[in-house]
Protein backbone atom coordinates (compact mmCIF):
# COMPACT_ATOMS: atom_id res chain seq x y z
CA MET A 1 0.00 0.00 0.00
CA THR A 2 1.26 3.50 -0.76
CA GLU A 3 2.73 5.22 2.27
CA PRO A 4 0.51 8.02 3.67
CA SER A 5 2.05 11.48 3.51
CA ARG A 6 3.57 12.62 6.81
CA THR A 7 4.86 16.00 5.65
CA ALA A 8 3.34 19.09 4.10
CA PRO A 9 2.22 18.37 0.52
CA ARG A 10 4.34 19.19 -2.48
CA VAL A 11 2.81 21.42 -5.15
CA THR A 12 2.51 18.39 -7.44
CA ASP A 13 0.27 16.70 -4.85
CA LEU A 14 -2.33 19.46 -5.01
CA PRO A 15 -5.31 19.90 -7.33
CA PRO A 16 -4.32 21.54 -10.65
CA GLY A 17 -5.04 25.17 -11.46
CA LEU A 18 -4.75 26.59 -7.95
CA GLY A 19 -2.03 29.16 -8.74
CA ASN A 20 -0.77 30.96 -5.64
CA PHE A 21 -1.84 29.32 -2.42
CA ARG A 22 -1.19 29.28 1.31
CA PHE A 23 -1.70 26.75 4.09
CA LEU A 24 -3.77 27.38 7.20
CA PHE A 25 -4.56 25.40 10.32
CA PHE A 26 -8.12 25.13 11.54
CA SER A 27 -6.90 25.76 15.09
CA GLY A 28 -5.69 29.17 13.90
CA LEU A 29 -9.12 30.07 12.50
CA THR A 30 -11.51 28.87 15.17
CA GLY A 31 -12.53 31.67 17.51
CA LYS A 32 -11.36 34.32 15.04
CA PRO A 33 -13.67 37.40 14.76
CA VAL A 34 -15.94 37.46 11.72
CA CYS A 35 -16.58 40.97 10.46
CA ALA A 36 -19.09 42.22 7.88
CA GLY A 37 -17.05 44.85 6.07
CA LYS A 38 -14.66 46.54 8.49
CA ILE A 39 -13.01 45.29 11.65
CA LYS A 40 -15.46 47.29 13.76
CA ASP A 41 -18.44 45.55 12.13
CA ARG A 42 -17.99 42.34 14.05
CA ILE A 43 -20.90 39.89 13.84
CA GLY A 44 -19.46 37.01 15.83
CA ARG A 45 -16.64 34.51 16.15
CA LEU A 46 -15.96 31.50 13.96
CA GLU A 47 -17.21 28.36 15.69
CA ASP A 48 -16.71 25.90 12.85
CA LEU A 49 -15.96 25.47 9.16
CA VAL A 50 -18.39 23.55 6.95
CA PHE A 51 -17.04 21.41 4.09
CA GLN A 52 -18.69 19.58 1.20
CA PHE A 53 -17.34 16.14 0.28
CA ARG A 54 -15.67 16.42 -3.12
CA GLU A 55 -12.83 14.70 -4.95
CA PRO A 56 -9.96 14.83 -4.32
CA TYR A 57 -10.40 17.11 -1.29
CA PRO A 58 -13.43 18.43 0.62
CA GLU A 59 -14.10 22.12 -0.10
CA ALA A 60 -15.36 24.76 2.31
CA VAL A 61 -18.96 25.82 1.73
CA GLY A 62 -19.42 28.17 4.66
CA LEU A 63 -18.73 29.52 8.13
CA TYR A 64 -20.67 28.38 11.18
CA LEU A 65 -21.25 30.94 13.93
CA GLU A 66 -22.80 30.47 17.37
CA HIS A 67 -23.88 33.39 19.52
CA GLY A 68 -25.19 31.75 22.68
CA TRP A 69 -27.81 33.26 25.00
CA GLY A 70 -30.56 31.60 23.02
CA LYS A 71 -29.69 33.41 19.78
CA PRO A 72 -29.87 31.34 16.56
CA THR A 73 -26.74 30.21 14.77
CA GLU A 74 -25.62 31.81 11.52
CA PHE A 75 -24.36 30.16 8.37
CA ILE A 76 -22.30 32.36 6.06
CA PRO A 77 -21.79 30.82 2.59
CA TRP A 78 -18.15 30.66 1.57
CA ASP A 79 -18.78 32.80 -1.51
CA ARG A 80 -19.56 35.68 0.89
CA VAL A 81 -16.07 35.46 2.42
CA VAL A 82 -13.86 38.33 1.21
CA LYS A 83 -10.54 37.46 2.87
CA VAL A 84 -8.99 35.68 5.81
CA GLU A 85 -6.57 37.89 7.74
CA ASP A 86 -4.49 37.33 10.86
CA ASP A 87 -6.84 39.44 12.99
CA ALA A 88 -10.24 38.57 11.47
CA ILE A 89 -12.27 36.91 8.73
CA PHE A 90 -13.98 39.50 6.55
CA VAL A 91 -17.29 38.74 4.84
CA ARG A 92 -19.89 40.66 2.87
CA PRO A 93 -22.97 41.69 4.84
CA ALA A 94 -26.05 39.54 4.39
CA GLU A 95 -28.15 40.63 1.44
CA SER A 96 -31.15 40.94 3.74
CA GLY A 97 -29.33 43.57 5.77
CA GLY A 98 -29.82 41.53 8.93
CA PRO A 99 -28.17 38.40 10.27
CA TYR A 100 -27.43 35.41 8.05
CA SER A 101 -29.82 32.44 8.10
CA PRO A 102 -29.39 29.79 10.82
CA PHE A 103 -27.23 26.78 9.99
CA VAL A 104 -29.11 23.78 8.53
CA ASP A 105 -27.07 20.65 7.93
CA GLN A 106 -27.07 19.16 4.43
CA PRO A 107 -26.22 15.69 3.04
CA GLY A 108 -22.53 15.40 2.24
CA TRP A 109 -21.46 18.16 4.64
CA ILE A 110 -18.85 17.75 7.36
CA LEU A 111 -17.86 20.18 10.12
CA ALA A 112 -14.17 20.43 10.98
CA ALA A 113 -14.56 20.89 14.75
CA LYS A 114 -17.64 18.76 15.30
CA HIS A 115 -16.73 15.83 13.10
CA LEU A 116 -12.92 15.82 12.90
CA MET A 117 -11.12 17.55 15.76
CA GLY A 118 -10.36 15.14 18.58
CA ARG A 119 -11.73 12.18 16.64
CA THR A 120 -9.98 8.84 16.45
CA ILE A 121 -8.17 7.62 13.36
CA LEU A 122 -7.04 4.06 12.73
CA ASP A 123 -3.39 4.22 11.71
CA MET A 124 -2.67 1.58 9.06
CA ASP A 125 1.09 1.80 9.60
CA GLY A 126 1.15 0.86 13.26
CA ARG A 127 -2.24 -0.87 13.53
CA ARG A 128 -2.97 1.58 16.34
CA THR A 129 -5.30 4.47 17.01
CA GLU A 130 -4.36 8.15 16.97
CA VAL A 131 -6.29 11.37 17.51
CA VAL A 132 -6.87 14.22 15.07
CA ASN A 133 -5.39 17.26 16.81
CA ASP A 134 -5.68 19.71 13.93
CA VAL A 135 -6.92 20.05 10.36
CA HIS A 136 -4.60 21.35 7.64
CA LEU A 137 -6.23 23.60 5.04
CA LEU A 138 -5.22 25.06 1.71
CA GLU A 139 -6.50 28.42 0.47
CA ALA A 140 -6.17 29.41 -3.18
CA LYS A 141 -8.19 31.50 -5.64
CA GLY A 142 -11.01 31.99 -3.17
CA ARG A 143 -11.29 28.28 -2.38
CA LEU A 144 -10.50 26.55 0.89
CA LEU A 145 -9.70 22.82 0.78
CA LEU A 146 -9.24 20.26 3.53
CA VAL A 147 -6.00 18.48 2.60
CA HIS A 148 -4.57 16.85 5.75
CA VAL A 149 -5.23 15.95 9.34
CA ASP A 150 -2.45 16.42 11.90
CA THR A 151 -2.08 13.84 14.68
CA SER A 152 1.09 15.32 16.19
CA PHE A 153 1.49 16.90 19.64
CA ASN A 154 2.10 20.20 17.83
CA GLY A 155 -1.51 20.11 16.72
CA PHE A 156 -2.59 19.54 20.30
CA LEU A 157 -0.61 22.60 21.40
CA ARG A 158 -2.16 24.72 18.64
CA ARG A 159 -5.65 23.68 19.74
CA TRP A 160 -4.95 25.06 23.20
CA GLY A 161 -3.43 28.34 22.04
CA PHE A 162 0.26 27.43 22.23
CA GLY A 163 0.91 27.61 18.51
CA GLY A 164 4.29 29.27 19.07
CA LEU A 165 5.63 26.08 20.63
CA ARG A 166 6.85 23.35 18.32
CA TRP A 167 8.07 20.23 20.06
CA ILE A 168 8.20 17.68 17.29
CA LYS A 169 7.64 17.33 13.57
CA ASP A 170 4.05 17.71 12.38
CA ASN A 171 2.43 14.37 11.61
CA PHE A 172 0.29 14.99 8.53
CA ILE A 173 -1.90 12.28 7.02
CA SER A 174 -3.25 13.09 3.58
CA TRP A 175 -7.03 13.23 3.20
CA LYS A 176 -6.62 10.60 0.46
CA TYR A 177 -5.92 8.08 3.21
CA VAL A 178 -8.43 9.40 5.74
CA GLN A 179 -11.98 8.69 4.67
CA PRO A 180 -14.93 9.23 7.00
CA PHE A 181 -17.52 6.47 6.90
CA SER A 182 -21.21 6.59 7.63
CA VAL A 183 -22.36 5.69 11.11
CA GLU A 184 -26.05 5.61 10.23
CA ASP A 185 -26.29 1.98 11.32
CA ALA A 186 -24.66 2.72 14.64
CA VAL A 187 -25.90 6.07 15.93
CA THR A 188 -28.76 8.42 15.27
CA THR A 189 -26.63 11.57 15.17
CA ASP A 190 -24.64 12.96 12.27
CA LYS A 191 -21.30 12.50 14.00
CA VAL A 192 -18.56 10.96 11.94
CA SER A 193 -15.46 9.11 13.06
CA LEU A 194 -12.34 8.62 11.00
CA SER A 195 -10.68 5.51 9.69
CA VAL A 196 -9.05 4.06 6.62
CA THR A 197 -11.22 3.40 3.58
CA ARG A 198 -13.74 0.58 3.60
CA LYS A 199 -11.64 -1.35 1.08
CA GLN A 200 -8.58 -1.15 3.32
CA LEU A 201 -10.64 -2.21 6.34
CA LEU A 202 -11.66 -5.38 4.52
CA GLU A 203 -8.00 -6.19 3.92
CA LEU A 204 -7.11 -6.08 7.62
CA PRO A 205 -7.00 -9.41 9.47
CA GLY A 206 -9.77 -9.99 11.99
CA GLU A 207 -7.20 -9.93 14.81
CA ASP A 208 -6.06 -6.41 13.87
CA LEU A 209 -9.62 -5.16 13.59
CA ALA A 210 -10.39 -6.67 17.00
CA ASP A 211 -7.37 -4.87 18.48
CA ALA A 212 -8.62 -1.58 17.03
CA LEU A 213 -12.15 -2.15 18.36
CA GLU A 214 -10.74 -2.84 21.81
CA GLU A 215 -8.86 0.48 21.77
CA LEU A 216 -11.98 2.43 20.82
CA SER A 217 -15.16 3.08 22.75
CA GLY A 218 -18.55 4.67 22.25
CA GLU A 219 -19.33 6.17 18.85
CA GLU A 220 -15.83 5.57 17.47
CA GLN A 221 -16.12 1.86 18.17
CA GLN A 222 -19.64 1.73 16.71
CA ALA A 223 -18.52 3.60 13.61
CA LEU A 224 -15.61 1.28 12.91
CA PHE A 225 -17.76 -1.82 13.39
CA SER A 226 -20.58 -0.47 11.23
CA ALA A 227 -18.14 0.02 8.33
CA LEU A 228 -17.43 -3.73 8.15
CA ASP A 229 -19.44 -6.13 6.03
CA SER A 230 -21.10 -9.03 7.86
CA GLU A 231 -18.30 -11.53 7.25
CA LYS A 232 -15.51 -9.21 8.39
CA ALA A 233 -17.64 -8.01 11.33
CA ALA A 234 -18.07 -11.62 12.46
CA GLU A 235 -14.30 -12.22 12.21
CA ALA A 236 -13.54 -9.15 14.31
CA LEU A 237 -16.25 -9.95 16.86
CA VAL A 238 -14.93 -13.50 17.34
CA GLU A 239 -11.39 -12.21 17.95
CA ALA A 240 -12.37 -9.33 20.25
CA GLU A 241 -12.06 -9.50 24.03
CA PRO A 242 -15.26 -10.03 26.06
CA ARG A 243 -15.53 -6.37 27.13
CA ALA A 244 -15.49 -5.17 23.51
CA GLN A 245 -17.89 -7.97 22.49
CA ARG A 246 -20.43 -6.82 25.08
CA GLN A 247 -20.09 -3.18 24.01
CA ILE A 248 -20.60 -4.00 20.34
CA ILE A 249 -23.56 -6.35 20.84
CA ALA A 250 -25.31 -3.79 23.05
CA THR A 251 -25.49 -1.30 20.15
CA LEU A 252 -26.39 -3.62 17.24
CA ARG A 253 -29.70 -3.37 15.48
CA LYS A 254 -31.60 -6.64 15.20
CA GLU A 255 -31.24 -7.16 11.44
CA ARG A 256 -27.57 -6.25 11.48
CA ALA A 257 -27.01 -8.72 14.34
CA ARG A 258 -28.83 -11.45 12.42
CA THR A 259 -26.57 -11.17 9.36
CA ILE A 260 -23.42 -11.21 11.52
CA LEU A 261 -24.51 -14.23 13.56
CA GLN A 262 -25.12 -16.16 10.33
CA GLU A 263 -21.40 -15.87 9.57
CA MET A 264 -20.38 -17.53 12.85
CA SER A 265 -20.12 -21.21 13.73
CA VAL A 266 -22.02 -22.79 16.61
CA PRO A 267 -18.93 -23.00 18.86
CA GLN A 268 -18.09 -19.37 18.11
CA LEU A 269 -21.64 -18.33 18.97
CA ALA A 270 -21.53 -20.36 22.17
CA ASP A 271 -18.28 -18.65 23.20
CA LEU A 272 -19.79 -15.25 22.43
CA PHE A 273 -23.03 -15.93 24.29
CA SER A 274 -21.11 -17.19 27.32
CA VAL A 275 -19.78 -13.66 28.01
CA LEU A 276 -22.95 -11.69 27.24
CA PRO A 277 -25.64 -10.53 29.68
CA HIS A 278 -28.63 -12.88 29.92
CA ASP A 279 -31.07 -10.45 28.26
CA ASP A 280 -28.79 -10.05 25.24
CA VAL A 281 -28.44 -13.83 24.90
CA VAL A 282 -32.22 -14.27 24.92
CA GLU A 283 -32.67 -11.67 22.18
CA LEU A 284 -29.89 -13.11 20.01
CA MET A 285 -31.18 -16.67 20.39
CA ASP A 286 -34.43 -15.53 18.78
CA LEU A 287 -32.46 -14.49 15.68
CA LEU A 288 -31.00 -17.98 15.11
CA PRO A 289 -32.51 -21.01 13.37
CA PRO A 290 -34.18 -23.30 15.98
CA GLU A 291 -31.69 -26.12 15.46
CA GLY A 292 -28.68 -23.84 15.94
CA ALA A 293 -30.21 -22.20 18.99
CA GLN A 294 -30.90 -25.61 20.52
CA ARG A 295 -27.30 -26.71 20.00
CA ILE A 296 -25.99 -23.54 21.59
CA ARG A 297 -28.26 -23.93 24.60
CA ALA A 298 -26.98 -27.46 25.00
CA ILE A 299 -23.38 -26.28 24.92
CA LEU A 300 -24.02 -23.48 27.40
CA SER A 301 -25.89 -25.77 29.78
CA GLU A 302 -23.41 -28.65 29.70
CA ARG A 303 -20.46 -28.50 32.04
CA GLU A 304 -18.54 -30.92 29.84
CA VAL A 305 -19.16 -30.25 26.16
CA THR A 306 -18.47 -33.06 23.70
CA ALA A 307 -17.05 -33.01 20.20
CA ARG A 308 -20.47 -33.98 18.79
CA ALA A 309 -21.97 -30.75 20.15
CA LEU A 310 -19.12 -28.59 18.83
CA MET A 311 -18.66 -30.11 15.37
CA SER A 312 -19.68 -28.59 12.06
CA SER A 313 -21.28 -30.45 9.16
CA GLN A 314 -19.50 -28.23 6.62
CA TYR A 315 -16.78 -30.48 5.20
CA VAL A 316 -15.84 -32.17 1.91
CA SER A 317 -15.64 -35.94 1.47
CA TYR A 318 -15.04 -38.12 -1.60
CA ALA A 319 -14.46 -41.77 -2.41
CA ARG A 320 -10.86 -42.89 -2.90
CA GLU A 321 -11.44 -43.69 -6.59
CA VAL A 322 -12.26 -40.07 -7.59
CA PRO A 323 -9.50 -38.55 -9.84
CA ALA A 324 -7.82 -35.31 -8.72
CA ALA A 325 -9.15 -33.35 -11.72
CA GLU A 326 -12.73 -34.41 -11.02
CA ALA A 327 -12.40 -33.54 -7.33
CA LEU A 328 -11.20 -30.04 -8.21
CA SER A 329 -14.01 -29.60 -10.71
CA ARG A 330 -16.60 -30.62 -8.10
CA LEU A 331 -15.15 -28.17 -5.61
CA ARG A 332 -15.37 -25.29 -8.07
CA ARG A 333 -18.97 -26.10 -8.98
CA ALA A 334 -20.02 -26.50 -5.34
CA GLN A 335 -18.76 -22.99 -4.42
CA ARG A 336 -18.03 -24.12 -0.89
CA ASP A 337 -17.08 -21.85 1.99
CA PRO A 338 -13.24 -21.62 1.89
CA ASP A 339 -13.08 -22.65 5.55
CA ALA A 340 -14.63 -26.00 4.65
CA ILE A 341 -12.04 -27.10 2.09
CA SER A 342 -8.70 -27.09 3.88
CA TYR A 343 -8.82 -30.88 3.64
CA LEU A 344 -10.67 -33.52 1.62
CA TYR A 345 -11.74 -36.51 3.67
CA ILE A 346 -11.72 -39.87 1.95
CA VAL A 347 -14.51 -42.28 2.87
CA ASN A 348 -15.54 -45.78 1.89
CA GLY A 349 -18.94 -46.39 0.39
CA ASP A 350 -20.08 -48.51 3.33
CA GLY A 351 -21.75 -45.67 5.18
CA GLY A 352 -18.96 -43.16 5.22
CA THR A 353 -16.10 -44.84 7.07
CA LEU A 354 -13.17 -42.41 7.24
CA VAL A 355 -10.09 -43.97 5.63
CA GLY A 356 -7.83 -41.04 4.70
CA VAL A 357 -7.32 -37.31 4.26
CA VAL A 358 -5.92 -35.19 1.40
CA ASP A 359 -4.52 -31.71 1.98
CA LEU A 360 -5.93 -29.24 -0.56
CA ARG A 361 -2.39 -28.21 -1.53
CA GLU A 362 -1.55 -31.80 -2.48
CA LEU A 363 -4.69 -31.99 -4.60
CA VAL A 364 -3.84 -28.83 -6.55
CA LEU A 365 -0.32 -30.06 -7.33
CA ALA A 366 -1.33 -33.62 -8.29
CA GLU A 367 -1.56 -35.02 -11.82
CA GLU A 368 -5.11 -34.82 -13.14
CA GLY A 369 -5.63 -38.57 -13.34
CA THR A 370 -4.25 -39.39 -9.90
CA ALA A 371 -6.87 -41.03 -7.69
CA LEU A 372 -7.49 -39.49 -4.29
CA GLY A 373 -6.64 -42.83 -2.71
CA GLN A 374 -3.08 -42.41 -3.97
CA LEU A 375 -2.80 -38.93 -2.47
CA MET A 376 -4.41 -39.56 0.89
CA VAL A 377 -2.66 -39.88 4.23
CA SER A 378 -3.80 -42.74 6.43
CA PRO A 379 -4.57 -43.35 9.25
CA VAL A 380 -6.29 -40.06 10.06
CA VAL A 381 -5.94 -38.11 13.30
CA ALA A 382 -9.56 -37.84 14.46
CA ALA A 383 -11.62 -36.98 17.51
CA GLU A 384 -14.30 -39.28 18.83
CA ALA A 385 -17.83 -38.01 19.25
CA HIS A 386 -17.72 -38.21 23.04
CA ASP A 387 -14.33 -36.45 23.41
CA LEU A 388 -14.47 -33.41 25.67
CA LYS A 389 -13.25 -29.92 24.87
CA ASP A 390 -10.05 -30.49 26.86
CA ASP A 391 -9.32 -33.51 24.66
CA LEU A 392 -9.82 -31.42 21.53
CA GLU A 393 -7.49 -28.71 22.82
CA GLU A 394 -4.80 -31.33 23.33
CA LEU A 395 -5.24 -32.67 19.78
CA PHE A 396 -4.98 -29.23 18.19
CA ALA A 397 -2.04 -28.24 20.39
CA LYS A 398 -0.20 -31.41 19.36
CA TYR A 399 -0.92 -31.53 15.62
CA HIS A 400 -1.74 -27.89 14.68
CA TYR A 401 -4.24 -28.96 12.00
CA ARG A 402 -6.71 -26.37 10.70
CA MET A 403 -9.54 -28.82 11.36
CA ILE A 404 -9.93 -32.31 12.81
CA PRO A 405 -12.63 -34.83 11.79
CA VAL A 406 -15.07 -36.30 14.31
CA VAL A 407 -15.98 -40.00 14.07
CA ASP A 408 -18.22 -42.43 15.92
CA ALA A 409 -17.19 -45.80 17.39
CA GLN A 410 -17.28 -47.39 13.90
CA ASP A 411 -15.10 -44.58 12.38
CA HIS A 412 -18.00 -43.13 10.42
CA LEU A 413 -17.32 -39.46 9.58
CA LEU A 414 -19.77 -37.26 11.53
CA GLY A 415 -18.38 -33.76 11.14
CA VAL A 416 -15.33 -31.58 11.70
CA ILE A 417 -13.96 -29.33 14.43
CA HIS A 418 -12.22 -26.09 13.42
CA TYR A 419 -9.05 -24.92 15.15
CA ASN A 420 -10.39 -21.42 15.81
CA ASP A 421 -13.56 -22.78 17.41
CA ILE A 422 -11.55 -24.58 20.08
CA MET A 423 -8.26 -22.77 20.52
CA ARG A 424 -9.33 -19.12 20.56
CA GLY A 425 -10.30 -19.30 24.23
CA VAL A 426 -7.02 -21.02 25.04
CA GLN A 427 -5.09 -18.24 23.32
CA ILE A 428 -6.98 -15.53 25.21
CA ARG A 429 -6.34 -17.26 28.53
CA SER A 430 -2.63 -17.49 27.74
CA ARG A 431 -2.52 -13.76 26.94
CA ASP A 432 -4.17 -12.95 30.24
């Protein structure tokens, strides 16, 4: 991925046709007097700047003024701004001769102070969270563009009126890499949090997303989670610590929760439900198919859970006579979940007796006419249906397979157990 800019932009990085330009910081504009004509004609102080989302950079559409004492706000369109000086912002008087109209939010608008300053940004470089301490602006030919956010301590000092102090290098992140995402699914306000683009979020591993969710709280956490599709949201939720899981579940809408739960296995759901408040568990159970809900209740109620209760029926099995090319063709046509095809289990035709296993990598590299029986490894490491969770943990810790088959007393293949369904809790306990 291209490295985000950490320094002031070069001229070649800026939109074409700007001519002469200068850079400003939002912290240097907020609180500045706004005057209609001359310096003595002061109408208020700048409370916020309003921007319209545009490519490649948001552009200022107006000034937002608050007067307090019950007086209405004022919105001054940017085309009424004459100039921005060190001592004041000069604007043309309102055409009505009185105050400007009150501010009314519009779709696609963002306010620098309300929506950006102090907000959390997910830093792709360090997989950590930082805070927007200032907003870097570019003024040219009567336009004002939002080009960077500054996460450095210098920005923090500027926010509190110590702009003359400069402790470290400014830490600019180009707006190209900082995209606000909608939080309509998470909150009822128009507040926006910051993160990387949706596409980049989908490329992050579930563990990294879980770490980010654990660092955030409140609206920032909700906003990040709401930007994920159902599959990625399920991955992050499974990997998150119990505190973050409870926070996220408490804010989910019913339909959103339903789609996320559908992406999770029964053992994963059981682990999740085991750390949730009782009322939340009851509500979520109602969103599941009856059979799945029954299995989860059985797991939660049993002190010693067996492999039969934890296993999944999503696996691939073939007879030993099937050629490698045919097996691959069947897999492509079946459009199976990738998690279900790490291994191919080889069974006899006498009711599904497990006789061998073929790693998917071996299948891909094999000659087309090679029978699966020639590729398989036998005997197979398997769990018995009555094995307890402790037994399964020992098997996975010893062999490190991605999944282990479950068989009955006659070695008939019943299902499979996934590594993540068993070992995630072990890993969390070891971290603690």
